[in-house]
mmCIF file of all heavy atoms, coordinates in Angstrom:
data_MODEL
# 
_entry.id   MODEL 
# 
loop_
_atom_site.group_PDB 
_atom_site.id 
_atom_site.type_symbol 
_atom_site.label_atom_id 
_atom_site.label_alt_id 
_atom_site.label_comp_id 
_atom_site.label_asym_id 
_atom_site.label_entity_id 
_atom_site.label_seq_id 
_atom_site.pdbx_PDB_ins_code 
_atom_site.Cartn_x 
_atom_site.Cartn_y 
_atom_site.Cartn_z 
_atom_site.occupancy 
_atom_site.B_iso_or_equiv 
_atom_site.pdbx_formal_charge 
_atom_site.auth_seq_id 
_atom_site.auth_comp_id 
_atom_site.auth_asym_id 
_atom_site.auth_atom_id 
_atom_site.pdbx_PDB_model_num 
ATOM 1   N N   . PRO A 1 1  ? -126.170 39.461 106.922 1.00 0.00 ? 1  PRO A N   1 
ATOM 2   C CA  . PRO A 1 1  ? -125.887 40.456 105.879 1.00 0.00 ? 1  PRO A CA  1 
ATOM 3   C C   . PRO A 1 1  ? -126.899 41.657 105.833 1.00 0.00 ? 1  PRO A C   1 
ATOM 4   O O   . PRO A 1 1  ? -126.518 42.722 105.742 1.00 0.00 ? 1  PRO A O   1 
ATOM 5   C CB  . PRO A 1 1  ? -125.749 39.694 104.576 1.00 0.00 ? 1  PRO A CB  1 
ATOM 6   C CG  . PRO A 1 1  ? -126.730 38.436 104.942 1.00 0.00 ? 1  PRO A CG  1 
ATOM 7   C CD  . PRO A 1 1  ? -126.448 38.025 106.271 1.00 0.00 ? 1  PRO A CD  1 
ATOM 8   N N   . GLU A 1 2  ? -128.150 41.365 106.146 1.00 0.00 ? 2  GLU A N   1 
ATOM 9   C CA  . GLU A 1 2  ? -129.195 42.323 106.161 1.00 0.00 ? 2  GLU A CA  1 
ATOM 10  C C   . GLU A 1 2  ? -128.892 43.282 107.261 1.00 0.00 ? 2  GLU A C   1 
ATOM 11  O O   . GLU A 1 2  ? -129.109 44.519 107.107 1.00 0.00 ? 2  GLU A O   1 
ATOM 12  C CB  . GLU A 1 2  ? -130.642 41.841 106.155 1.00 0.00 ? 2  GLU A CB  1 
ATOM 13  C CG  . GLU A 1 2  ? -131.019 40.894 105.100 1.00 0.00 ? 2  GLU A CG  1 
ATOM 14  C CD  . GLU A 1 2  ? -130.723 39.530 105.162 1.00 0.00 ? 2  GLU A CD  1 
ATOM 15  O OE1 . GLU A 1 2  ? -130.111 39.086 106.250 1.00 0.00 ? 2  GLU A OE1 1 
ATOM 16  O OE2 . GLU A 1 2  ? -130.774 38.729 104.179 1.00 0.00 ? 2  GLU A OE2 1 
ATOM 17  N N   . GLU A 1 3  ? -128.629 42.810 108.525 1.00 0.00 ? 3  GLU A N   1 
ATOM 18  C CA  . GLU A 1 3  ? -128.279 43.730 109.582 1.00 0.00 ? 3  GLU A CA  1 
ATOM 19  C C   . GLU A 1 3  ? -127.009 44.479 109.358 1.00 0.00 ? 3  GLU A C   1 
ATOM 20  O O   . GLU A 1 3  ? -127.133 45.705 109.706 1.00 0.00 ? 3  GLU A O   1 
ATOM 21  C CB  . GLU A 1 3  ? -128.038 42.825 110.831 1.00 0.00 ? 3  GLU A CB  1 
ATOM 22  C CG  . GLU A 1 3  ? -129.412 42.304 111.411 1.00 0.00 ? 3  GLU A CG  1 
ATOM 23  C CD  . GLU A 1 3  ? -129.893 40.931 110.835 1.00 0.00 ? 3  GLU A CD  1 
ATOM 24  O OE1 . GLU A 1 3  ? -129.288 40.560 109.808 1.00 0.00 ? 3  GLU A OE1 1 
ATOM 25  O OE2 . GLU A 1 3  ? -130.732 40.230 111.372 1.00 0.00 ? 3  GLU A OE2 1 
ATOM 26  N N   . SER A 1 4  ? -126.013 43.947 108.786 1.00 0.00 ? 4  SER A N   1 
ATOM 27  C CA  . SER A 1 4  ? -124.822 44.746 108.451 1.00 0.00 ? 4  SER A CA  1 
ATOM 28  C C   . SER A 1 4  ? -125.074 45.883 107.543 1.00 0.00 ? 4  SER A C   1 
ATOM 29  O O   . SER A 1 4  ? -124.585 46.925 107.723 1.00 0.00 ? 4  SER A O   1 
ATOM 30  C CB  . SER A 1 4  ? -123.674 43.841 108.080 1.00 0.00 ? 4  SER A CB  1 
ATOM 31  O OG  . SER A 1 4  ? -123.980 43.265 106.925 1.00 0.00 ? 4  SER A OG  1 
ATOM 32  N N   . HIS A 1 5  ? -125.905 45.532 106.553 1.00 0.00 ? 5  HIS A N   1 
ATOM 33  C CA  . HIS A 1 5  ? -126.246 46.459 105.530 1.00 0.00 ? 5  HIS A CA  1 
ATOM 34  C C   . HIS A 1 5  ? -127.165 47.609 106.166 1.00 0.00 ? 5  HIS A C   1 
ATOM 35  O O   . HIS A 1 5  ? -126.730 48.849 105.949 1.00 0.00 ? 5  HIS A O   1 
ATOM 36  C CB  . HIS A 1 5  ? -127.019 45.788 104.416 1.00 0.00 ? 5  HIS A CB  1 
ATOM 37  C CG  . HIS A 1 5  ? -127.378 46.695 103.284 1.00 0.00 ? 5  HIS A CG  1 
ATOM 38  N ND1 . HIS A 1 5  ? -128.684 47.219 103.053 1.00 0.00 ? 5  HIS A ND1 1 
ATOM 39  C CD2 . HIS A 1 5  ? -126.636 47.189 102.216 1.00 0.00 ? 5  HIS A CD2 1 
ATOM 40  C CE1 . HIS A 1 5  ? -128.645 48.068 102.028 1.00 0.00 ? 5  HIS A CE1 1 
ATOM 41  N NE2 . HIS A 1 5  ? -127.449 47.997 101.527 1.00 0.00 ? 5  HIS A NE2 1 
ATOM 42  N N   . ASP A 1 6  ? -128.103 47.208 106.917 1.00 0.00 ? 6  ASP A N   1 
ATOM 43  C CA  . ASP A 1 6  ? -128.950 48.320 107.545 1.00 0.00 ? 6  ASP A CA  1 
ATOM 44  C C   . ASP A 1 6  ? -128.039 49.110 108.678 1.00 0.00 ? 6  ASP A C   1 
ATOM 45  O O   . ASP A 1 6  ? -128.402 50.242 108.680 1.00 0.00 ? 6  ASP A O   1 
ATOM 46  C CB  . ASP A 1 6  ? -130.181 47.641 108.258 1.00 0.00 ? 6  ASP A CB  1 
ATOM 47  C CG  . ASP A 1 6  ? -131.086 47.101 107.330 1.00 0.00 ? 6  ASP A CG  1 
ATOM 48  O OD1 . ASP A 1 6  ? -131.190 47.391 106.172 1.00 0.00 ? 6  ASP A OD1 1 
ATOM 49  O OD2 . ASP A 1 6  ? -131.976 46.332 107.789 1.00 0.00 ? 6  ASP A OD2 1 
ATOM 50  N N   . PHE A 1 7  ? -127.288 48.522 109.394 1.00 0.00 ? 7  PHE A N   1 
ATOM 51  C CA  . PHE A 1 7  ? -126.527 49.224 110.360 1.00 0.00 ? 7  PHE A CA  1 
ATOM 52  C C   . PHE A 1 7  ? -125.707 50.269 109.653 1.00 0.00 ? 7  PHE A C   1 
ATOM 53  O O   . PHE A 1 7  ? -125.626 51.439 110.094 1.00 0.00 ? 7  PHE A O   1 
ATOM 54  C CB  . PHE A 1 7  ? -125.558 48.323 111.220 1.00 0.00 ? 7  PHE A CB  1 
ATOM 55  C CG  . PHE A 1 7  ? -124.914 49.021 112.222 1.00 0.00 ? 7  PHE A CG  1 
ATOM 56  C CD1 . PHE A 1 7  ? -125.429 49.086 113.413 1.00 0.00 ? 7  PHE A CD1 1 
ATOM 57  C CD2 . PHE A 1 7  ? -123.663 49.591 111.911 1.00 0.00 ? 7  PHE A CD2 1 
ATOM 58  C CE1 . PHE A 1 7  ? -124.845 49.829 114.465 1.00 0.00 ? 7  PHE A CE1 1 
ATOM 59  C CE2 . PHE A 1 7  ? -123.036 50.345 112.945 1.00 0.00 ? 7  PHE A CE2 1 
ATOM 60  C CZ  . PHE A 1 7  ? -123.567 50.334 114.214 1.00 0.00 ? 7  PHE A CZ  1 
ATOM 61  N N   . SER A 1 8  ? -124.967 49.888 108.562 1.00 0.00 ? 8  SER A N   1 
ATOM 62  C CA  . SER A 1 8  ? -124.118 50.808 107.987 1.00 0.00 ? 8  SER A CA  1 
ATOM 63  C C   . SER A 1 8  ? -124.857 51.987 107.210 1.00 0.00 ? 8  SER A C   1 
ATOM 64  O O   . SER A 1 8  ? -124.496 53.052 107.278 1.00 0.00 ? 8  SER A O   1 
ATOM 65  C CB  . SER A 1 8  ? -123.152 50.154 107.000 1.00 0.00 ? 8  SER A CB  1 
ATOM 66  O OG  . SER A 1 8  ? -123.919 49.452 106.018 1.00 0.00 ? 8  SER A OG  1 
ATOM 67  N N   . LEU A 1 9  ? -125.963 51.663 106.613 1.00 0.00 ? 9  LEU A N   1 
ATOM 68  C CA  . LEU A 1 9  ? -126.913 52.673 106.102 1.00 0.00 ? 9  LEU A CA  1 
ATOM 69  C C   . LEU A 1 9  ? -127.370 53.661 106.999 1.00 0.00 ? 9  LEU A C   1 
ATOM 70  O O   . LEU A 1 9  ? -127.572 54.830 106.606 1.00 0.00 ? 9  LEU A O   1 
ATOM 71  C CB  . LEU A 1 9  ? -127.909 52.104 105.128 1.00 0.00 ? 9  LEU A CB  1 
ATOM 72  C CG  . LEU A 1 9  ? -127.428 51.255 103.849 1.00 0.00 ? 9  LEU A CG  1 
ATOM 73  C CD1 . LEU A 1 9  ? -128.735 50.733 103.185 1.00 0.00 ? 9  LEU A CD1 1 
ATOM 74  C CD2 . LEU A 1 9  ? -126.850 52.291 102.927 1.00 0.00 ? 9  LEU A CD2 1 
ATOM 75  N N   . ASN A 1 10 ? -127.676 53.243 108.270 1.00 0.00 ? 10 ASN A N   1 
ATOM 76  C CA  . ASN A 1 10 ? -128.270 54.120 109.225 1.00 0.00 ? 10 ASN A CA  1 
ATOM 77  C C   . ASN A 1 10 ? -127.357 54.695 110.192 1.00 0.00 ? 10 ASN A C   1 
ATOM 78  O O   . ASN A 1 10 ? -127.716 55.450 111.221 1.00 0.00 ? 10 ASN A O   1 
ATOM 79  C CB  . ASN A 1 10 ? -129.422 53.326 109.950 1.00 0.00 ? 10 ASN A CB  1 
ATOM 80  C CG  . ASN A 1 10 ? -130.567 53.100 108.931 1.00 0.00 ? 10 ASN A CG  1 
ATOM 81  O OD1 . ASN A 1 10 ? -131.031 54.015 108.300 1.00 0.00 ? 10 ASN A OD1 1 
ATOM 82  N ND2 . ASN A 1 10 ? -130.811 51.806 108.764 1.00 0.00 ? 10 ASN A ND2 1 
ATOM 83  N N   . ALA A 1 11 ? -126.072 54.395 110.248 1.00 0.00 ? 11 ALA A N   1 
ATOM 84  C CA  . ALA A 1 11 ? -125.068 54.873 111.244 1.00 0.00 ? 11 ALA A CA  1 
ATOM 85  C C   . ALA A 1 11 ? -125.008 56.329 111.339 1.00 0.00 ? 11 ALA A C   1 
ATOM 86  O O   . ALA A 1 11 ? -125.155 56.822 112.542 1.00 0.00 ? 11 ALA A O   1 
ATOM 87  C CB  . ALA A 1 11 ? -123.583 54.251 110.807 1.00 0.00 ? 11 ALA A CB  1 
ATOM 88  N N   . VAL A 1 12 ? -125.019 57.044 110.416 1.00 0.00 ? 12 VAL A N   1 
ATOM 89  C CA  . VAL A 1 12 ? -124.872 58.488 110.651 1.00 0.00 ? 12 VAL A CA  1 
ATOM 90  C C   . VAL A 1 12 ? -126.186 59.007 111.150 1.00 0.00 ? 12 VAL A C   1 
ATOM 91  O O   . VAL A 1 12 ? -126.126 59.795 112.166 1.00 0.00 ? 12 VAL A O   1 
ATOM 92  C CB  . VAL A 1 12 ? -124.638 59.209 109.143 1.00 0.00 ? 12 VAL A CB  1 
ATOM 93  C CG1 . VAL A 1 12 ? -124.861 60.736 109.268 1.00 0.00 ? 12 VAL A CG1 1 
ATOM 94  C CG2 . VAL A 1 12 ? -123.271 58.818 108.602 1.00 0.00 ? 12 VAL A CG2 1 
ATOM 95  N N   . LYS A 1 13 ? -127.427 58.611 110.658 1.00 0.00 ? 13 LYS A N   1 
ATOM 96  C CA  . LYS A 1 13 ? -128.693 58.972 111.274 1.00 0.00 ? 13 LYS A CA  1 
ATOM 97  C C   . LYS A 1 13 ? -128.714 58.568 112.793 1.00 0.00 ? 13 LYS A C   1 
ATOM 98  O O   . LYS A 1 13 ? -129.300 59.320 113.456 1.00 0.00 ? 13 LYS A O   1 
ATOM 99  C CB  . LYS A 1 13 ? -129.791 58.245 110.549 1.00 0.00 ? 13 LYS A CB  1 
ATOM 100 C CG  . LYS A 1 13 ? -131.180 58.582 110.999 1.00 0.00 ? 13 LYS A CG  1 
ATOM 101 C CD  . LYS A 1 13 ? -132.196 57.962 110.178 1.00 0.00 ? 13 LYS A CD  1 
ATOM 102 C CE  . LYS A 1 13 ? -132.312 56.496 110.767 1.00 0.00 ? 13 LYS A CE  1 
ATOM 103 N NZ  . LYS A 1 13 ? -133.385 55.590 110.353 1.00 0.00 ? 13 LYS A NZ  1 
ATOM 104 N N   . ASN A 1 14 ? -128.012 57.525 113.132 1.00 0.00 ? 14 ASN A N   1 
ATOM 105 C CA  . ASN A 1 14 ? -127.999 57.118 114.497 1.00 0.00 ? 14 ASN A CA  1 
ATOM 106 C C   . ASN A 1 14 ? -127.025 57.814 115.421 1.00 0.00 ? 14 ASN A C   1 
ATOM 107 O O   . ASN A 1 14 ? -126.693 57.353 116.620 1.00 0.00 ? 14 ASN A O   1 
ATOM 108 C CB  . ASN A 1 14 ? -128.074 55.541 114.611 1.00 0.00 ? 14 ASN A CB  1 
ATOM 109 C CG  . ASN A 1 14 ? -129.166 54.952 114.107 1.00 0.00 ? 14 ASN A CG  1 
ATOM 110 O OD1 . ASN A 1 14 ? -130.344 55.408 114.159 1.00 0.00 ? 14 ASN A OD1 1 
ATOM 111 N ND2 . ASN A 1 14 ? -129.033 53.779 113.566 1.00 0.00 ? 14 ASN A ND2 1 
ATOM 112 N N   . GLY A 1 15 ? -126.322 58.664 114.868 1.00 0.00 ? 15 GLY A N   1 
ATOM 113 C CA  . GLY A 1 15 ? -125.338 59.521 115.672 1.00 0.00 ? 15 GLY A CA  1 
ATOM 114 C C   . GLY A 1 15 ? -123.918 58.973 115.714 1.00 0.00 ? 15 GLY A C   1 
ATOM 115 O O   . GLY A 1 15 ? -123.179 59.437 116.555 1.00 0.00 ? 15 GLY A O   1 
ATOM 116 N N   . ILE A 1 16 ? -123.757 57.932 115.056 1.00 0.00 ? 16 ILE A N   1 
ATOM 117 C CA  . ILE A 1 16 ? -122.376 57.245 115.069 1.00 0.00 ? 16 ILE A CA  1 
ATOM 118 C C   . ILE A 1 16 ? -121.377 58.133 114.285 1.00 0.00 ? 16 ILE A C   1 
ATOM 119 O O   . ILE A 1 16 ? -121.733 58.624 113.142 1.00 0.00 ? 16 ILE A O   1 
ATOM 120 C CB  . ILE A 1 16 ? -122.510 55.823 114.574 1.00 0.00 ? 16 ILE A CB  1 
ATOM 121 C CG1 . ILE A 1 16 ? -123.241 55.089 115.685 1.00 0.00 ? 16 ILE A CG1 1 
ATOM 122 C CG2 . ILE A 1 16 ? -121.080 55.268 114.521 1.00 0.00 ? 16 ILE A CG2 1 
ATOM 123 C CD1 . ILE A 1 16 ? -123.784 53.789 115.102 1.00 0.00 ? 16 ILE A CD1 1 
ATOM 124 N N   . GLU A 1 17 ? -120.131 58.305 114.766 1.00 0.00 ? 17 GLU A N   1 
ATOM 125 C CA  . GLU A 1 17 ? -119.134 59.063 114.104 1.00 0.00 ? 17 GLU A CA  1 
ATOM 126 C C   . GLU A 1 17 ? -117.891 58.293 113.644 1.00 0.00 ? 17 GLU A C   1 
ATOM 127 O O   . GLU A 1 17 ? -117.289 58.674 112.700 1.00 0.00 ? 17 GLU A O   1 
ATOM 128 C CB  . GLU A 1 17 ? -118.783 60.248 114.851 1.00 0.00 ? 17 GLU A CB  1 
ATOM 129 C CG  . GLU A 1 17 ? -119.881 61.166 115.282 1.00 0.00 ? 17 GLU A CG  1 
ATOM 130 C CD  . GLU A 1 17 ? -119.559 62.191 116.297 1.00 0.00 ? 17 GLU A CD  1 
ATOM 131 O OE1 . GLU A 1 17 ? -119.498 62.034 117.383 1.00 0.00 ? 17 GLU A OE1 1 
ATOM 132 O OE2 . GLU A 1 17 ? -119.194 63.392 115.752 1.00 0.00 ? 17 GLU A OE2 1 
ATOM 133 N N   . VAL A 1 18 ? -117.676 57.187 114.242 1.00 0.00 ? 18 VAL A N   1 
ATOM 134 C CA  . VAL A 1 18 ? -116.601 56.245 113.924 1.00 0.00 ? 18 VAL A CA  1 
ATOM 135 C C   . VAL A 1 18 ? -117.061 54.822 114.160 1.00 0.00 ? 18 VAL A C   1 
ATOM 136 O O   . VAL A 1 18 ? -117.783 54.605 115.119 1.00 0.00 ? 18 VAL A O   1 
ATOM 137 C CB  . VAL A 1 18 ? -115.231 56.520 114.673 1.00 0.00 ? 18 VAL A CB  1 
ATOM 138 C CG1 . VAL A 1 18 ? -114.207 55.578 114.209 1.00 0.00 ? 18 VAL A CG1 1 
ATOM 139 C CG2 . VAL A 1 18 ? -114.774 57.955 114.471 1.00 0.00 ? 18 VAL A CG2 1 
ATOM 140 N N   . ILE A 1 19 ? -116.635 53.920 113.242 1.00 0.00 ? 19 ILE A N   1 
ATOM 141 C CA  . ILE A 1 19 ? -117.052 52.544 113.348 1.00 0.00 ? 19 ILE A CA  1 
ATOM 142 C C   . ILE A 1 19 ? -115.804 51.651 113.511 1.00 0.00 ? 19 ILE A C   1 
ATOM 143 O O   . ILE A 1 19 ? -114.912 51.727 112.689 1.00 0.00 ? 19 ILE A O   1 
ATOM 144 C CB  . ILE A 1 19 ? -117.878 52.015 112.248 1.00 0.00 ? 19 ILE A CB  1 
ATOM 145 C CG1 . ILE A 1 19 ? -119.185 52.929 112.086 1.00 0.00 ? 19 ILE A CG1 1 
ATOM 146 C CG2 . ILE A 1 19 ? -118.393 50.518 112.554 1.00 0.00 ? 19 ILE A CG2 1 
ATOM 147 C CD1 . ILE A 1 19 ? -120.017 52.635 110.921 1.00 0.00 ? 19 ILE A CD1 1 
ATOM 148 N N   . ILE A 1 20 ? -115.715 50.836 114.569 1.00 0.00 ? 20 ILE A N   1 
ATOM 149 C CA  . ILE A 1 20 ? -114.607 49.803 114.742 1.00 0.00 ? 20 ILE A CA  1 
ATOM 150 C C   . ILE A 1 20 ? -115.259 48.519 114.451 1.00 0.00 ? 20 ILE A C   1 
ATOM 151 O O   . ILE A 1 20 ? -116.284 48.182 114.933 1.00 0.00 ? 20 ILE A O   1 
ATOM 152 C CB  . ILE A 1 20 ? -114.126 49.895 116.070 1.00 0.00 ? 20 ILE A CB  1 
ATOM 153 C CG1 . ILE A 1 20 ? -113.493 51.170 116.409 1.00 0.00 ? 20 ILE A CG1 1 
ATOM 154 C CG2 . ILE A 1 20 ? -113.046 48.697 116.308 1.00 0.00 ? 20 ILE A CG2 1 
ATOM 155 C CD1 . ILE A 1 20 ? -113.079 51.375 117.883 1.00 0.00 ? 20 ILE A CD1 1 
ATOM 156 N N   . CYS A 1 21 ? -114.640 47.722 113.504 1.00 0.00 ? 21 CYS A N   1 
ATOM 157 C CA  . CYS A 1 21 ? -115.143 46.439 113.171 1.00 0.00 ? 21 CYS A CA  1 
ATOM 158 C C   . CYS A 1 21 ? -114.034 45.277 113.425 1.00 0.00 ? 21 CYS A C   1 
ATOM 159 O O   . CYS A 1 21 ? -112.992 45.306 112.810 1.00 0.00 ? 21 CYS A O   1 
ATOM 160 C CB  . CYS A 1 21 ? -115.453 46.422 111.666 1.00 0.00 ? 21 CYS A CB  1 
ATOM 161 S SG  . CYS A 1 21 ? -116.753 47.372 111.183 1.00 0.00 ? 21 CYS A SG  1 
ATOM 162 N N   . ALA A 1 22 ? -114.361 44.379 114.460 1.00 0.00 ? 22 ALA A N   1 
ATOM 163 C CA  . ALA A 1 22 ? -113.446 43.321 114.849 1.00 0.00 ? 22 ALA A CA  1 
ATOM 164 C C   . ALA A 1 22 ? -113.917 42.073 114.084 1.00 0.00 ? 22 ALA A C   1 
ATOM 165 O O   . ALA A 1 22 ? -115.229 41.827 114.121 1.00 0.00 ? 22 ALA A O   1 
ATOM 166 C CB  . ALA A 1 22 ? -113.484 43.156 116.234 1.00 0.00 ? 22 ALA A CB  1 
ATOM 167 N N   . ALA A 1 23 ? -113.068 41.475 113.546 1.00 0.00 ? 23 ALA A N   1 
ATOM 168 C CA  . ALA A 1 23 ? -113.443 40.133 112.758 1.00 0.00 ? 23 ALA A CA  1 
ATOM 169 C C   . ALA A 1 23 ? -112.295 39.320 112.545 1.00 0.00 ? 23 ALA A C   1 
ATOM 170 O O   . ALA A 1 23 ? -111.043 39.830 112.528 1.00 0.00 ? 23 ALA A O   1 
ATOM 171 C CB  . ALA A 1 23 ? -114.056 40.504 111.351 1.00 0.00 ? 23 ALA A CB  1 
ATOM 172 N N   . GLY A 1 24 ? -112.440 38.026 112.421 1.00 0.00 ? 24 GLY A N   1 
ATOM 173 C CA  . GLY A 1 24 ? -111.369 37.104 112.326 1.00 0.00 ? 24 GLY A CA  1 
ATOM 174 C C   . GLY A 1 24 ? -111.646 36.299 110.920 1.00 0.00 ? 24 GLY A C   1 
ATOM 175 O O   . GLY A 1 24 ? -112.663 36.460 110.304 1.00 0.00 ? 24 GLY A O   1 
ATOM 176 N N   . LYS A 1 25 ? -110.618 35.452 110.586 1.00 0.00 ? 25 LYS A N   1 
ATOM 177 C CA  . LYS A 1 25 ? -110.594 34.711 109.332 1.00 0.00 ? 25 LYS A CA  1 
ATOM 178 C C   . LYS A 1 25 ? -110.775 35.504 108.139 1.00 0.00 ? 25 LYS A C   1 
ATOM 179 O O   . LYS A 1 25 ? -110.004 36.450 107.782 1.00 0.00 ? 25 LYS A O   1 
ATOM 180 C CB  . LYS A 1 25 ? -111.632 33.632 109.587 1.00 0.00 ? 25 LYS A CB  1 
ATOM 181 C CG  . LYS A 1 25 ? -111.244 32.585 110.656 1.00 0.00 ? 25 LYS A CG  1 
ATOM 182 C CD  . LYS A 1 25 ? -112.243 31.441 110.842 1.00 0.00 ? 25 LYS A CD  1 
ATOM 183 C CE  . LYS A 1 25 ? -111.781 30.548 111.895 1.00 0.00 ? 25 LYS A CE  1 
ATOM 184 N NZ  . LYS A 1 25 ? -112.580 29.508 112.230 1.00 0.00 ? 25 LYS A NZ  1 
ATOM 185 N N   . ALA A 1 26 ? -111.842 35.241 107.430 1.00 0.00 ? 26 ALA A N   1 
ATOM 186 C CA  . ALA A 1 26 ? -112.184 36.048 106.168 1.00 0.00 ? 26 ALA A CA  1 
ATOM 187 C C   . ALA A 1 26 ? -112.304 37.619 106.541 1.00 0.00 ? 26 ALA A C   1 
ATOM 188 O O   . ALA A 1 26 ? -111.862 38.391 105.638 1.00 0.00 ? 26 ALA A O   1 
ATOM 189 C CB  . ALA A 1 26 ? -113.385 35.560 105.419 1.00 0.00 ? 26 ALA A CB  1 
ATOM 190 N N   . ALA A 1 27 ? -112.747 37.979 107.662 1.00 0.00 ? 27 ALA A N   1 
ATOM 191 C CA  . ALA A 1 27 ? -112.673 39.223 108.196 1.00 0.00 ? 27 ALA A CA  1 
ATOM 192 C C   . ALA A 1 27 ? -113.277 40.331 107.191 1.00 0.00 ? 27 ALA A C   1 
ATOM 193 O O   . ALA A 1 27 ? -112.758 41.431 106.977 1.00 0.00 ? 27 ALA A O   1 
ATOM 194 C CB  . ALA A 1 27 ? -111.341 39.665 108.676 1.00 0.00 ? 27 ALA A CB  1 
# 
């Protein structure tokens, strides 16, 4: 959870413009 939180908070700063999230079950 810490990595997902940090990733999403820093995505714009890291130049990301769209995020695709693949997940199964609770997803």
